[in-house]
Amino acid sequence: DDIKPEDQESLFLHFFSKDELPPQEEFLPNSYASV
């Protein structure tokens, strides 16, 4: 509820638990590596 984007670069933003994370193939590679 605290997320209030100033731009339109994202389709959506969400805090994910480790059990809810999207599959690797749906990530940018470097973001997946950091997670």
All heavy atoms as atom14 arrays in JSON, in Angstrom:
{
  "sequence": "DDIKPEDQESLFLHFFSKDELPPQEEFLPNSYASV",
  "atom14_mask": [
    [1, 1, 1, 1, 1, 1, 1, 1, 0, 0, 0, 0, 0, 0],
    [1, 1, 1, 1, 1, 1, 1, 1, 0, 0, 0, 0, 0, 0],
    [1, 1, 1, 1, 1, 1, 1, 1, 0, 0, 0, 0, 0, 0],
    [1, 1, 1, 1, 1, 1, 1, 1, 1, 0, 0, 0, 0, 0],
    [1, 1, 1, 1, 1, 1, 1, 0, 0, 0, 0, 0, 0, 0],
    [1, 1, 1, 1, 1, 1, 1, 1, 1, 0, 0, 0, 0, 0],
    [1, 1, 1, 1, 1, 1, 1, 1, 0, 0, 0, 0, 0, 0],
    [1, 1, 1, 1, 1, 1, 1, 1, 1, 0, 0, 0, 0, 0],
    [1, 1, 1, 1, 1, 1, 1, 1, 1, 0, 0, 0, 0, 0],
    [1, 1, 1, 1, 1, 1, 0, 0, 0, 0, 0, 0, 0, 0],
    [1, 1, 1, 1, 1, 1, 1, 1, 0, 0, 0, 0, 0, 0],
    [1, 1, 1, 1, 1, 1, 1, 1, 1, 1, 1, 0, 0, 0],
    [1, 1, 1, 1, 1, 1, 1, 1, 0, 0, 0, 0, 0, 0],
    [1, 1, 1, 1, 1, 1, 1, 1, 1, 1, 0, 0, 0, 0],
    [1, 1, 1, 1, 1, 1, 1, 1, 1, 1, 1, 0, 0, 0],
    [1, 1, 1, 1, 1, 1, 1, 1, 1, 1, 1, 0, 0, 0],
    [1, 1, 1, 1, 1, 1, 0, 0, 0, 0, 0, 0, 0, 0],
    [1, 1, 1, 1, 1, 1, 1, 1, 1, 0, 0, 0, 0, 0],
    [1, 1, 1, 1, 1, 1, 1, 1, 0, 0, 0, 0, 0, 0],
    [1, 1, 1, 1, 1, 1, 1, 1, 1, 0, 0, 0, 0, 0],
    [1, 1, 1, 1, 1, 1, 1, 1, 0, 0, 0, 0, 0, 0],
    [1, 1, 1, 1, 1, 1, 1, 0, 0, 0, 0, 0, 0, 0],
    [1, 1, 1, 1, 1, 1, 1, 0, 0, 0, 0, 0, 0, 0],
    [1, 1, 1, 1, 1, 1, 1, 1, 1, 0, 0, 0, 0, 0],
    [1, 1, 1, 1, 1, 1, 1, 1, 1, 0, 0, 0, 0, 0],
    [1, 1, 1, 1, 1, 1, 1, 1, 1, 0, 0, 0, 0, 0],
    [1, 1, 1, 1, 1, 1, 1, 1, 1, 1, 1, 0, 0, 0],
    [1, 1, 1, 1, 1, 1, 1, 1, 0, 0, 0, 0, 0, 0],
    [1, 1, 1, 1, 1, 1, 1, 0, 0, 0, 0, 0, 0, 0],
    [1, 1, 1, 1, 1, 1, 1, 1, 0, 0, 0, 0, 0, 0],
    [1, 1, 1, 1, 1, 1, 0, 0, 0, 0, 0, 0, 0, 0],
    [1, 1, 1, 1, 1, 1, 1, 1, 1, 1, 1, 1, 0, 0],
    [1, 1, 1, 1, 1, 0, 0, 0, 0, 0, 0, 0, 0, 0],
    [1, 1, 1, 1, 1, 1, 0, 0, 0, 0, 0, 0, 0, 0],
    [1, 1, 1, 1, 1, 1, 1, 0, 0, 0, 0, 0, 0, 0]
  ],
  "atom14_positions": [
    [[0.81, -1.22, 0.0], [0.0, 0.0, 0.0], [0.85, 1.27, 0.0], [0.34, 2.35, -0.33], [-0.94, 0.02, 1.21], [-2.03, -1.03, 1.12], [-2.26, -1.56, 0.01], [-2.64, -1.33, 2.16], [0.0, 0.0, 0.0], [0.0, 0.0, 0.0], [0.0, 0.0, 0.0], [0.0, 0.0, 0.0], [0.0, 0.0, 0.0], [0.0, 0.0, 0.0]],
    [[2.12, 1.17, 0.38], [3.01, 2.33, 0.43], [3.66, 2.64, -0.91], [4.31, 3.66, -1.06], [4.11, 2.11, 1.48], [3.53, 1.92, 2.87], [2.64, 2.71, 3.26], [3.97, 0.98, 3.56], [0.0, 0.0, 0.0], [0.0, 0.0, 0.0], [0.0, 0.0, 0.0], [0.0, 0.0, 0.0], [0.0, 0.0, 0.0], [0.0, 0.0, 0.0]],
    [[3.48, 1.76, -1.88], [4.12, 1.93, -3.19], [3.26, 2.85, -4.04], [2.1, 2.55, -4.33], [4.32, 0.57, -3.88], [5.21, -0.31, -3.01], [4.92, 0.76, -5.27], [5.28, -1.75, -3.47], [0.0, 0.0, 0.0], [0.0, 0.0, 0.0], [0.0, 0.0, 0.0], [0.0, 0.0, 0.0], [0.0, 0.0, 0.0], [0.0, 0.0, 0.0]],
    [[3.85, 3.98, -4.43], [3.14, 4.96, -5.24], [4.09, 5.49, -6.32], [4.74, 6.51, -6.14], [2.63, 6.1, -4.36], [1.69, 5.57, -3.27], [0.97, 6.65, -2.55], [0.07, 6.17, -1.44], [-0.25, 4.82, -1.28], [0.0, 0.0, 0.0], [0.0, 0.0, 0.0], [0.0, 0.0, 0.0], [0.0, 0.0, 0.0], [0.0, 0.0, 0.0]],
    [[4.17, 4.76, -7.46], [5.1, 5.16, -8.52], [4.82, 6.55, -9.06], [3.67, 6.97, -9.14], [4.88, 4.11, -9.61], [4.12, 3.0, -8.98], [3.41, 3.58, -7.8], [0.0, 0.0, 0.0], [0.0, 0.0, 0.0], [0.0, 0.0, 0.0], [0.0, 0.0, 0.0], [0.0, 0.0, 0.0], [0.0, 0.0, 0.0], [0.0, 0.0, 0.0]],
    [[5.91, 7.24, -9.42], [5.79, 8.56, -10.05], [5.81, 8.45, -11.56], [5.52, 9.41, -12.26], [6.95, 9.45, -9.59], [6.94, 9.76, -8.12], [8.14, 10.56, -7.67], [8.93, 11.02, -8.52], [8.31, 10.74, -6.45], [0.0, 0.0, 0.0], [0.0, 0.0, 0.0], [0.0, 0.0, 0.0], [0.0, 0.0, 0.0], [0.0, 0.0, 0.0]],
    [[6.2, 7.28, -12.1], [6.26, 7.1, -13.55], [5.4, 5.9, -13.94], [4.77, 5.28, -13.09], [7.7, 6.96, -14.03], [8.41, 5.73, -13.47], [7.72, 4.75, -13.08], [9.64, 5.73, -13.42], [0.0, 0.0, 0.0], [0.0, 0.0, 0.0], [0.0, 0.0, 0.0], [0.0, 0.0, 0.0], [0.0, 0.0, 0.0], [0.0, 0.0, 0.0]],
    [[5.39, 5.58, -15.2], [4.57, 4.47, -15.71], [5.44, 3.35, -16.27], [5.03, 2.64, -17.18], [3.64, 5.01, -16.81], [2.67, 6.07, -16.32], [1.74, 5.53, -15.27], [1.17, 4.45, -15.4], [1.58, 6.27, -14.17], [0.0, 0.0, 0.0], [0.0, 0.0, 0.0], [0.0, 0.0, 0.0], [0.0, 0.0, 0.0], [0.0, 0.0, 0.0]],
    [[6.66, 3.16, -15.72], [7.58, 2.16, -16.25], [7.21, 0.74, -15.83], [7.67, -0.22, -16.44], [9.02, 2.47, -15.83], [9.55, 3.73, -16.47], [11.0, 4.01, -16.11], [11.72, 3.08, -15.71], [11.41, 5.17, -16.24], [0.0, 0.0, 0.0], [0.0, 0.0, 0.0], [0.0, 0.0, 0.0], [0.0, 0.0, 0.0], [0.0, 0.0, 0.0]],
    [[6.41, 0.6, -14.79], [6.08, -0.72, -14.27], [4.62, -1.07, -14.54], [3.75, -0.21, -14.45], [6.29, -0.76, -12.75], [7.59, -0.38, -12.42], [0.0, 0.0, 0.0], [0.0, 0.0, 0.0], [0.0, 0.0, 0.0], [0.0, 0.0, 0.0], [0.0, 0.0, 0.0], [0.0, 0.0, 0.0], [0.0, 0.0, 0.0], [0.0, 0.0, 0.0]],
    [[4.38, -2.35, -14.85], [3.01, -2.83, -14.93], [2.43, -2.95, -13.54], [1.26, -2.64, -13.31], [2.96, -4.18, -15.66], [3.33, -4.13, -17.13], [3.44, -5.54, -17.7], [2.31, -3.32, -17.91], [0.0, 0.0, 0.0], [0.0, 0.0, 0.0], [0.0, 0.0, 0.0], [0.0, 0.0, 0.0], [0.0, 0.0, 0.0], [0.0, 0.0, 0.0]],
    [[3.25, -3.45, -12.6], [2.87, -3.45, -11.19], [4.1, -3.73, -10.34], [5.13, -4.19, -10.82], [1.74, -4.43, -10.87], [2.1, -5.89, -11.01], [2.64, -6.6, -9.95], [1.88, -6.55, -12.19], [2.95, -7.94, -10.06], [2.2, -7.9, -12.32], [2.73, -8.59, -11.26], [0.0, 0.0, 0.0], [0.0, 0.0, 0.0], [0.0, 0.0, 0.0]],
    [[3.98, -3.41, -9.04], [5.03, -3.65, -8.05], [4.4, -4.39, -6.89], [3.25, -4.14, -6.52], [5.63, -2.33, -7.57], [6.37, -1.54, -8.63], [5.66, -0.26, -8.94], [7.78, -1.28, -8.18], [0.0, 0.0, 0.0], [0.0, 0.0, 0.0], [0.0, 0.0, 0.0], [0.0, 0.0, 0.0], [0.0, 0.0, 0.0], [0.0, 0.0, 0.0]],
    [[5.2, -5.3, -6.3], [4.67, -6.11, -5.21], [5.82, -6.64, -4.37], [6.88, -6.98, -4.9], [3.85, -7.27, -5.8], [3.34, -8.25, -4.8], [2.37, -7.93, -3.87], [3.64, -9.55, -4.57], [2.1, -8.99, -3.14], [2.87, -9.99, -3.53], [0.0, 0.0, 0.0], [0.0, 0.0, 0.0], [0.0, 0.0, 0.0], [0.0, 0.0, 0.0]],
    [[5.61, -6.73, -3.05], [6.54, -7.39, -2.16], [6.24, -8.89, -2.17], [5.14, -9.3, -1.81], [6.41, -6.86, -0.72], [7.09, -5.54, -0.49], [6.37, -4.36, -0.5], [8.46, -5.49, -0.25], [7.0, -3.14, -0.27], [9.1, -4.28, -0.03], [8.37, -3.1, -0.04], [0.0, 0.0, 0.0], [0.0, 0.0, 0.0], [0.0, 0.0, 0.0]],
    [[7.21, -9.69, -2.61], [7.04, -11.13, -2.73], [7.78, -11.85, -1.6], [8.95, -11.55, -1.34], [7.64, -11.64, -4.05], [6.87, -11.25, -5.27], [7.1, -10.02, -5.89], [5.96, -12.12, -5.83], [6.4, -9.66, -7.04], [5.26, -11.78, -6.98], [5.48, -10.55, -7.59], [0.0, 0.0, 0.0], [0.0, 0.0, 0.0], [0.0, 0.0, 0.0]],
    [[7.13, -12.84, -0.99], [7.84, -13.73, -0.08], [8.68, -14.68, -0.94], [8.43, -14.82, -2.14], [6.86, -14.53, 0.79], [6.19, -15.49, 0.0], [0.0, 0.0, 0.0], [0.0, 0.0, 0.0], [0.0, 0.0, 0.0], [0.0, 0.0, 0.0], [0.0, 0.0, 0.0], [0.0, 0.0, 0.0], [0.0, 0.0, 0.0], [0.0, 0.0, 0.0]],
    [[9.65, -15.34, -0.32], [10.51, -16.23, -1.12], [9.7, -17.36, -1.75], [10.06, -17.86, -2.8], [11.66, -16.77, -0.28], [11.28, -17.71, 0.82], [12.5, -18.22, 1.55], [12.09, -19.22, 2.62], [13.22, -19.8, 3.29], [0.0, 0.0, 0.0], [0.0, 0.0, 0.0], [0.0, 0.0, 0.0], [0.0, 0.0, 0.0], [0.0, 0.0, 0.0]],
    [[8.58, -17.74, -1.15], [7.74, -18.81, -1.69], [6.83, -18.34, -2.84], [6.27, -19.18, -3.54], [6.87, -19.41, -0.59], [7.7, -20.04, 0.52], [8.8, -20.57, 0.22], [7.27, -19.99, 1.69], [0.0, 0.0, 0.0], [0.0, 0.0, 0.0], [0.0, 0.0, 0.0], [0.0, 0.0, 0.0], [0.0, 0.0, 0.0], [0.0, 0.0, 0.0]],
    [[6.68, -17.04, -3.0], [5.81, -16.48, -4.05], [6.57, -16.0, -5.27], [5.95, -15.51, -6.22], [5.05, -15.25, -3.54], [4.24, -15.38, -2.3], [3.67, -14.04, -1.88], [4.44, -13.08, -1.66], [2.43, -13.97, -1.77], [0.0, 0.0, 0.0], [0.0, 0.0, 0.0], [0.0, 0.0, 0.0], [0.0, 0.0, 0.0], [0.0, 0.0, 0.0]],
    [[7.89, -16.05, -5.25], [8.68, -15.45, -6.32], [8.32, -16.04, -7.69], [8.08, -17.24, -7.8], [10.17, -15.67, -6.07], [10.77, -14.87, -4.92], [12.19, -15.35, -4.63], [10.74, -13.39, -5.22], [0.0, 0.0, 0.0], [0.0, 0.0, 0.0], [0.0, 0.0, 0.0], [0.0, 0.0, 0.0], [0.0, 0.0, 0.0], [0.0, 0.0, 0.0]],
    [[8.28, -15.18, -8.71], [8.04, -15.68, -10.06], [9.16, -16.64, -10.48], [10.26, -16.6, -9.93], [8.06, -14.41, -10.93], [7.89, -13.28, -9.97], [8.44, -13.74, -8.67], [0.0, 0.0, 0.0], [0.0, 0.0, 0.0], [0.0, 0.0, 0.0], [0.0, 0.0, 0.0], [0.0, 0.0, 0.0], [0.0, 0.0, 0.0], [0.0, 0.0, 0.0]],
    [[8.91, -17.48, -11.49], [9.96, -18.39, -11.96], [11.12, -17.63, -12.62], [10.93, -16.51, -13.12], [9.24, -19.28, -12.98], [7.95, -18.62, -13.28], [7.64, -17.66, -12.17], [0.0, 0.0, 0.0], [0.0, 0.0, 0.0], [0.0, 0.0, 0.0], [0.0, 0.0, 0.0], [0.0, 0.0, 0.0], [0.0, 0.0, 0.0], [0.0, 0.0, 0.0]],
    [[12.28, -18.24, -12.6], [13.51, -17.61, -13.11], [13.34, -17.06, -14.52], [13.84, -15.98, -14.83], [14.66, -18.61, -13.07], [15.96, -18.04, -13.58], [17.13, -19.0, -13.45], [17.0, -20.09, -12.9], [18.27, -18.59, -13.95], [0.0, 0.0, 0.0], [0.0, 0.0, 0.0], [0.0, 0.0, 0.0], [0.0, 0.0, 0.0], [0.0, 0.0, 0.0]],
    [[12.65, -17.78, -15.39], [12.53, -17.34, -16.79], [11.7, -16.06, -16.94], [11.71, -15.45, -18.01], [11.98, -18.46, -17.68], [10.62, -18.97, -17.29], [10.64, -20.11, -16.27], [11.7, -20.44, -15.7], [9.55, -20.66, -16.02], [0.0, 0.0, 0.0], [0.0, 0.0, 0.0], [0.0, 0.0, 0.0], [0.0, 0.0, 0.0], [0.0, 0.0, 0.0]],
    [[11.02, -15.63, -15.88], [10.25, -14.4, -15.94], [11.02, -13.2, -15.36], [10.46, -12.11, -15.25], [8.92, -14.57, -15.21], [8.0, -15.56, -15.9], [6.66, -15.72, -15.19], [6.25, -14.79, -14.46], [6.03, -16.78, -15.38], [0.0, 0.0, 0.0], [0.0, 0.0, 0.0], [0.0, 0.0, 0.0], [0.0, 0.0, 0.0], [0.0, 0.0, 0.0]],
    [[12.29, -13.4, -15.02], [13.14, -12.36, -14.44], [14.14, -11.83, -15.46], [14.61, -12.58, -16.32], [14.0, -12.95, -13.31], [13.4, -12.89, -11.95], [12.58, -13.9, -11.49], [13.69, -11.84, -11.08], [12.07, -13.88, -10.22], [13.18, -11.81, -9.8], [12.36, -12.84, -9.37], [0.0, 0.0, 0.0], [0.0, 0.0, 0.0], [0.0, 0.0, 0.0]],
    [[14.54, -10.56, -15.28], [15.78, -10.11, -15.9], [16.9, -10.88, -15.23], [16.9, -11.04, -14.0], [15.98, -8.61, -15.68], [15.18, -7.65, -16.53], [15.5, -6.21, -16.15], [15.46, -7.87, -18.0], [0.0, 0.0, 0.0], [0.0, 0.0, 0.0], [0.0, 0.0, 0.0], [0.0, 0.0, 0.0], [0.0, 0.0, 0.0], [0.0, 0.0, 0.0]],
    [[17.88, -11.36, -15.99], [18.91, -12.23, -15.39], [19.66, -11.63, -14.2], [19.87, -12.31, -13.2], [19.86, -12.5, -16.57], [19.0, -12.37, -17.77], [18.01, -11.27, -17.44], [0.0, 0.0, 0.0], [0.0, 0.0, 0.0], [0.0, 0.0, 0.0], [0.0, 0.0, 0.0], [0.0, 0.0, 0.0], [0.0, 0.0, 0.0], [0.0, 0.0, 0.0]],
    [[20.07, -10.38, -14.29], [20.84, -9.81, -13.18], [19.99, -9.6, -11.93], [20.47, -9.74, -10.81], [21.54, -8.52, -13.6], [22.77, -8.81, -14.44], [23.22, -9.95, -14.55], [23.31, -7.78, -15.04], [0.0, 0.0, 0.0], [0.0, 0.0, 0.0], [0.0, 0.0, 0.0], [0.0, 0.0, 0.0], [0.0, 0.0, 0.0], [0.0, 0.0, 0.0]],
    [[18.71, -9.29, -12.11], [17.83, -9.18, -10.95], [17.65, -10.53, -10.28], [17.69, -10.63, -9.05], [16.46, -8.63, -11.36], [16.54, -7.26, -11.69], [0.0, 0.0, 0.0], [0.0, 0.0, 0.0], [0.0, 0.0, 0.0], [0.0, 0.0, 0.0], [0.0, 0.0, 0.0], [0.0, 0.0, 0.0], [0.0, 0.0, 0.0], [0.0, 0.0, 0.0]],
    [[17.5, -11.58, -11.08], [17.36, -12.92, -10.51], [18.61, -13.29, -9.73], [18.52, -13.83, -8.62], [17.08, -13.95, -11.62], [16.81, -15.32, -11.06], [15.55, -15.63, -10.55], [17.8, -16.29, -11.02], [15.29, -16.88, -10.02], [17.55, -17.54, -10.49], [16.3, -17.84, -10.0], [16.04, -19.08, -9.46], [0.0, 0.0, 0.0], [0.0, 0.0, 0.0]],
    [[19.79, -12.99, -10.28], [21.05, -13.31, -9.6], [21.13, -12.6, -8.25], [21.57, -13.18, -7.25], [22.23, -12.93, -10.48], [0.0, 0.0, 0.0], [0.0, 0.0, 0.0], [0.0, 0.0, 0.0], [0.0, 0.0, 0.0], [0.0, 0.0, 0.0], [0.0, 0.0, 0.0], [0.0, 0.0, 0.0], [0.0, 0.0, 0.0], [0.0, 0.0, 0.0]],
    [[20.71, -11.34, -8.19], [20.74, -10.59, -6.93], [19.78, -11.17, -5.9], [20.11, -11.29, -4.72], [20.42, -9.12, -7.17], [21.42, -8.51, -7.96], [0.0, 0.0, 0.0], [0.0, 0.0, 0.0], [0.0, 0.0, 0.0], [0.0, 0.0, 0.0], [0.0, 0.0, 0.0], [0.0, 0.0, 0.0], [0.0, 0.0, 0.0], [0.0, 0.0, 0.0]],
    [[18.58, -11.55, -6.34], [17.6, -12.13, -5.44], [18.13, -13.45, -4.88], [18.03, -13.72, -3.68], [16.23, -12.33, -6.14], [15.29, -13.19, -5.32], [15.59, -10.97, -6.44], [0.0, 0.0, 0.0], [0.0, 0.0, 0.0], [0.0, 0.0, 0.0], [0.0, 0.0, 0.0], [0.0, 0.0, 0.0], [0.0, 0.0, 0.0], [0.0, 0.0, 0.0]]
  ]
}
